[in-house]
Amino acid sequence: MRRHLAFTFVAMTLAVPAAGKASVWEIDPAHTSAQFAIRHLMVSTVRGDFRKVSGKVNLDDQDVTQSTVDATIDVASIDTGIAKRDDHLRSPDFFDVAKHPTMTFKSKKIEKGSGDGNYKITGDLTLHGVTKEVVLDFEGNLKPVKSPQGKTLIGGMATTKINRKDFGLTWNAALETGGVAVGEDVTITIDIEMTQPNATAATTPTALPVSTQKVLENTADKAMDKAMD
């Protein structure tokens, strides 16, 4: 009986997966977009978005500030609602997607913000072949929820502002009345939804192979012999 109990204890210790601190979340492209807004002709604001966003977040479940973010945007997926303008933005005058097809963001530091679910994410933004440090203000729900389809989800919104000239996007045209055609400051808003792939796989114990069971039996025997000495 004692031998059986010792064997069971050792088996459970090895079979039950360790509770890890980090969980991996993948950006869901179908429910994520990166929007931008920029002044046009000094009188209005043009808005658009990038439709293809991918990446992953390694979320530290005990301390969010120890998490990491790695995201990629397909620049050619830009959409302002006017095909001719989109083609111009893809051209060498602006993003030059033939040479620079993607922009990326890699976090370097995450700090807790002023409210619950608020964080400041500092990282490197690489755009148009230039890398600059930017800070994203994130607000969201990092407590997992279940969708009607059974997916495990978290999400939120991140905002920042950059000067396009800092990334070599310098094209402009002077207006006869003064001023320029395109503003310099770009406001960026990222609505993001993330899913946890194979959410149940990590918690499902697997049967022990016969060779492992033999090792456990020997370990249990030694534990019992030591206890009886």
Protein backbone atom coordinates (compact mmCIF):
# COMPACT_ATOMS: atom_id res chain seq x y z
CA MET A 1 0.00 0.00 0.00
CA ARG A 2 2.75 2.43 0.98
CA ARG A 3 4.67 1.55 -2.20
CA HIS A 4 1.56 2.31 -4.25
CA LEU A 5 1.07 5.69 -2.52
CA ALA A 6 4.71 6.66 -3.08
CA PHE A 7 4.47 5.66 -6.74
CA THR A 8 1.28 7.68 -7.16
CA PHE A 9 2.83 10.79 -5.57
CA VAL A 10 5.91 10.67 -7.81
CA ALA A 11 3.78 10.03 -10.90
CA MET A 12 1.52 13.00 -10.15
CA THR A 13 4.51 15.25 -9.57
CA LEU A 14 5.89 14.47 -13.00
CA ALA A 15 2.62 14.17 -14.91
CA VAL A 16 0.94 17.42 -13.85
CA PRO A 17 2.28 20.31 -15.95
CA ALA A 18 4.04 23.07 -14.10
CA ALA A 19 2.14 26.34 -13.84
CA GLY A 20 4.08 28.66 -16.08
CA LYS A 21 4.14 32.43 -15.72
CA ALA A 22 3.94 33.24 -19.41
CA SER A 23 1.24 32.60 -21.95
CA VAL A 24 1.51 33.11 -25.70
CA TRP A 25 -1.16 35.08 -27.55
CA GLU A 26 -1.41 35.52 -31.31
CA ILE A 27 -2.79 38.66 -32.94
CA ASP A 28 -6.02 37.85 -34.75
CA PRO A 29 -5.77 39.58 -38.18
CA ALA A 30 -9.52 39.30 -38.73
CA HIS A 31 -10.25 41.47 -35.68
CA THR A 32 -7.21 43.75 -35.62
CA SER A 33 -6.43 46.90 -37.57
CA ALA A 34 -3.91 49.75 -37.43
CA GLN A 35 -5.55 53.08 -38.24
CA PHE A 36 -3.88 56.41 -38.93
CA ALA A 37 -4.97 60.02 -39.28
CA ILE A 38 -3.08 62.92 -40.90
CA ARG A 39 -3.93 66.49 -41.86
CA HIS A 40 -4.70 67.14 -45.54
CA LEU A 41 -4.44 70.52 -47.30
CA MET A 42 -4.36 72.21 -43.90
CA VAL A 43 -8.15 71.99 -43.61
CA SER A 44 -9.19 68.35 -43.11
CA THR A 45 -8.04 64.96 -41.84
CA VAL A 46 -7.48 61.90 -43.99
CA ARG A 47 -7.95 58.58 -42.24
CA GLY A 48 -6.99 55.10 -43.32
CA ASP A 49 -5.88 51.76 -41.99
CA PHE A 50 -3.64 48.79 -42.60
CA ARG A 51 -5.73 45.65 -42.97
CA LYS A 52 -3.05 43.02 -42.38
CA VAL A 53 -1.58 42.95 -38.89
CA SER A 54 0.12 39.90 -37.38
CA GLY A 55 2.35 39.01 -34.45
CA LYS A 56 2.34 37.64 -30.94
CA VAL A 57 2.46 38.68 -27.32
CA ASN A 58 4.27 36.74 -24.63
CA LEU A 59 2.11 37.73 -21.66
CA ASP A 60 3.50 37.35 -18.17
CA ASP A 61 0.40 36.33 -16.25
CA GLN A 62 1.81 37.45 -12.90
CA ASP A 63 3.54 40.69 -13.98
CA VAL A 64 2.38 42.28 -17.24
CA THR A 65 5.39 44.62 -17.24
CA GLN A 66 7.60 41.59 -17.95
CA SER A 67 5.68 40.74 -21.14
CA THR A 68 6.88 41.25 -24.72
CA VAL A 69 5.16 42.37 -27.92
CA ASP A 70 6.22 41.59 -31.50
CA ALA A 71 3.99 42.83 -34.33
CA THR A 72 4.23 43.16 -38.12
CA ILE A 73 2.12 45.23 -40.51
CA ASP A 74 1.85 44.56 -44.23
CA VAL A 75 2.26 48.10 -45.59
CA ALA A 76 0.73 47.20 -48.96
CA SER A 77 -2.56 46.53 -47.15
CA ILE A 78 -3.08 50.29 -46.69
CA ASP A 79 -6.62 51.44 -47.39
CA THR A 80 -7.87 55.04 -47.33
CA GLY A 81 -10.96 54.33 -49.38
CA ILE A 82 -9.54 55.84 -52.59
CA ALA A 83 -7.54 53.43 -54.78
CA LYS A 84 -5.56 56.16 -56.57
CA ARG A 85 -4.42 57.67 -53.28
CA ASP A 86 -3.54 54.23 -51.91
CA ASP A 87 -1.36 53.54 -54.95
CA HIS A 88 0.43 56.86 -54.39
CA LEU A 89 1.04 55.99 -50.74
CA ARG A 90 2.54 52.64 -51.79
CA SER A 91 4.87 54.36 -54.28
CA PRO A 92 8.45 55.60 -53.67
CA ASP A 93 7.00 59.03 -52.80
CA PHE A 94 5.80 57.57 -49.52
CA PHE A 95 6.08 54.01 -48.16
CA ASP A 96 7.89 52.49 -51.16
CA VAL A 97 6.44 49.05 -50.47
CA ALA A 98 8.60 47.41 -53.13
CA LYS A 99 11.65 48.11 -50.93
CA HIS A 100 9.98 48.21 -47.53
CA PRO A 101 7.00 45.82 -47.56
CA THR A 102 6.50 45.68 -43.79
CA MET A 103 6.71 47.80 -40.69
CA THR A 104 7.46 46.16 -37.35
CA PHE A 105 7.20 46.92 -33.65
CA LYS A 106 9.26 45.16 -30.99
CA SER A 107 8.73 46.10 -27.37
CA LYS A 108 11.63 46.91 -25.05
CA LYS A 109 9.86 48.00 -21.88
CA ILE A 110 6.35 47.92 -20.45
CA GLU A 111 5.28 50.17 -17.59
CA LYS A 112 2.00 50.24 -15.69
CA GLY A 113 -0.17 53.24 -16.52
CA SER A 114 -2.44 55.36 -14.35
CA GLY A 115 -5.51 53.13 -14.46
CA ASP A 116 -6.47 49.49 -14.36
CA GLY A 117 -5.56 47.86 -17.68
CA ASN A 118 -3.45 50.85 -18.79
CA TYR A 119 0.19 50.40 -19.80
CA LYS A 120 2.92 52.31 -21.60
CA ILE A 121 4.73 50.08 -24.08
CA THR A 122 8.11 51.38 -25.24
CA GLY A 123 9.63 49.72 -28.30
CA ASP A 124 11.33 50.03 -31.65
CA LEU A 125 9.16 50.92 -34.63
CA THR A 126 10.81 50.11 -37.98
CA LEU A 127 9.16 51.92 -40.87
CA HIS A 128 10.48 52.76 -44.35
CA GLY A 129 13.85 51.26 -43.37
CA VAL A 130 14.23 53.54 -40.32
CA THR A 131 14.01 52.41 -36.69
CA LYS A 132 12.90 54.82 -33.98
CA GLU A 133 11.77 54.37 -30.41
CA VAL A 134 8.08 55.06 -29.81
CA VAL A 135 5.74 54.72 -26.84
CA LEU A 136 2.31 53.11 -27.20
CA ASP A 137 -0.41 53.98 -24.70
CA PHE A 138 -2.34 50.75 -24.20
CA GLU A 139 -5.75 50.32 -22.63
CA GLY A 140 -7.51 47.01 -22.61
CA ASN A 141 -8.75 43.85 -20.98
CA LEU A 142 -6.02 41.31 -20.29
CA LYS A 143 -8.36 38.99 -18.41
CA PRO A 144 -9.21 36.15 -20.81
CA VAL A 145 -12.79 35.81 -22.03
CA LYS A 146 -14.49 33.09 -24.06
CA SER A 147 -16.08 33.85 -27.40
CA PRO A 148 -19.33 32.12 -28.48
CA GLN A 149 -17.12 29.95 -30.72
CA GLY A 150 -15.11 28.81 -27.70
CA LYS A 151 -11.96 30.84 -28.40
CA THR A 152 -10.01 32.37 -25.52
CA LEU A 153 -9.52 36.10 -26.14
CA ILE A 154 -7.90 39.24 -24.78
CA GLY A 155 -7.60 42.64 -26.43
CA GLY A 156 -7.39 46.38 -26.24
CA MET A 157 -6.40 49.58 -27.99
CA ALA A 158 -2.99 51.22 -28.38
CA THR A 159 -2.35 54.80 -29.51
CA THR A 160 0.70 56.87 -30.36
CA LYS A 161 1.78 59.83 -32.50
CA ILE A 162 4.81 60.02 -34.78
CA ASN A 163 6.35 62.55 -37.16
CA ARG A 164 6.49 60.93 -40.59
CA LYS A 165 9.66 62.85 -41.49
CA ASP A 166 11.52 61.02 -38.71
CA PHE A 167 11.05 57.88 -40.84
CA GLY A 168 12.12 59.41 -44.14
CA LEU A 169 8.58 60.02 -45.40
CA THR A 170 9.25 63.54 -46.59
CA TRP A 171 7.18 64.00 -49.77
CA ASN A 172 5.01 67.11 -49.82
CA ALA A 173 3.63 69.81 -52.10
CA ALA A 174 3.38 73.52 -51.36
CA LEU A 175 -0.01 75.22 -51.62
CA GLU A 176 -0.46 78.50 -53.44
CA THR A 177 -2.25 79.90 -50.43
CA GLY A 178 0.53 78.82 -48.10
CA GLY A 179 1.09 75.67 -46.17
CA VAL A 180 1.55 72.16 -47.51
CA ALA A 181 -0.60 69.35 -48.86
CA VAL A 182 0.25 66.73 -46.22
CA GLY A 183 0.81 67.20 -42.50
CA GLU A 184 3.78 65.81 -40.61
CA ASP A 185 2.20 64.42 -37.45
CA VAL A 186 0.47 61.07 -37.77
CA THR A 187 -1.90 59.79 -35.10
CA ILE A 188 -1.93 55.99 -34.90
CA THR A 189 -4.62 53.84 -33.28
CA ILE A 190 -4.33 50.06 -33.12
CA ASP A 191 -7.39 47.99 -32.21
CA ILE A 192 -6.12 44.57 -31.31
CA GLU A 193 -7.67 41.22 -30.50
CA MET A 194 -5.56 38.23 -29.53
CA THR A 195 -6.29 34.54 -29.29
CA GLN A 196 -4.55 31.83 -27.33
CA PRO A 197 -3.75 28.89 -29.61
CA ASN A 198 -4.31 25.41 -28.18
CA ALA A 199 -5.46 26.91 -24.91
CA THR A 200 -6.37 23.52 -23.43
CA ALA A 201 -3.37 21.60 -24.74
CA ALA A 202 -1.02 22.78 -22.01
CA THR A 203 -3.31 21.59 -19.21
CA THR A 204 -4.11 18.13 -20.60
CA PRO A 205 -1.88 15.47 -18.99
CA THR A 206 -0.63 12.68 -21.19
CA ALA A 207 -0.22 9.01 -20.31
CA LEU A 208 3.23 8.02 -19.13
CA PRO A 209 5.18 5.59 -21.32
CA VAL A 210 6.03 2.15 -19.89
CA SER A 211 9.72 3.01 -19.53
CA THR A 212 8.84 6.06 -17.43
CA GLN A 213 6.52 3.99 -15.27
CA LYS A 214 9.40 1.59 -14.53
CA VAL A 215 11.58 4.51 -13.48
CA LEU A 216 8.83 5.77 -11.20
CA GLU A 217 8.41 2.35 -9.63
CA ASN A 218 12.14 2.17 -8.87
CA THR A 219 12.07 5.71 -7.48
CA ALA A 220 9.10 4.82 -5.29
CA ASP A 221 10.89 1.69 -3.99
CA LYS A 222 13.96 3.72 -3.05
CA ALA A 223 11.81 6.32 -1.34
CA MET A 224 10.09 3.66 0.73
CA ASP A 225 13.38 1.91 1.63
CA LYS A 226 14.81 5.23 2.80
CA ALA A 227 11.70 6.01 4.83
CA MET A 228 11.91 2.63 6.62
CA ASP A 229 15.62 2.90 7.47
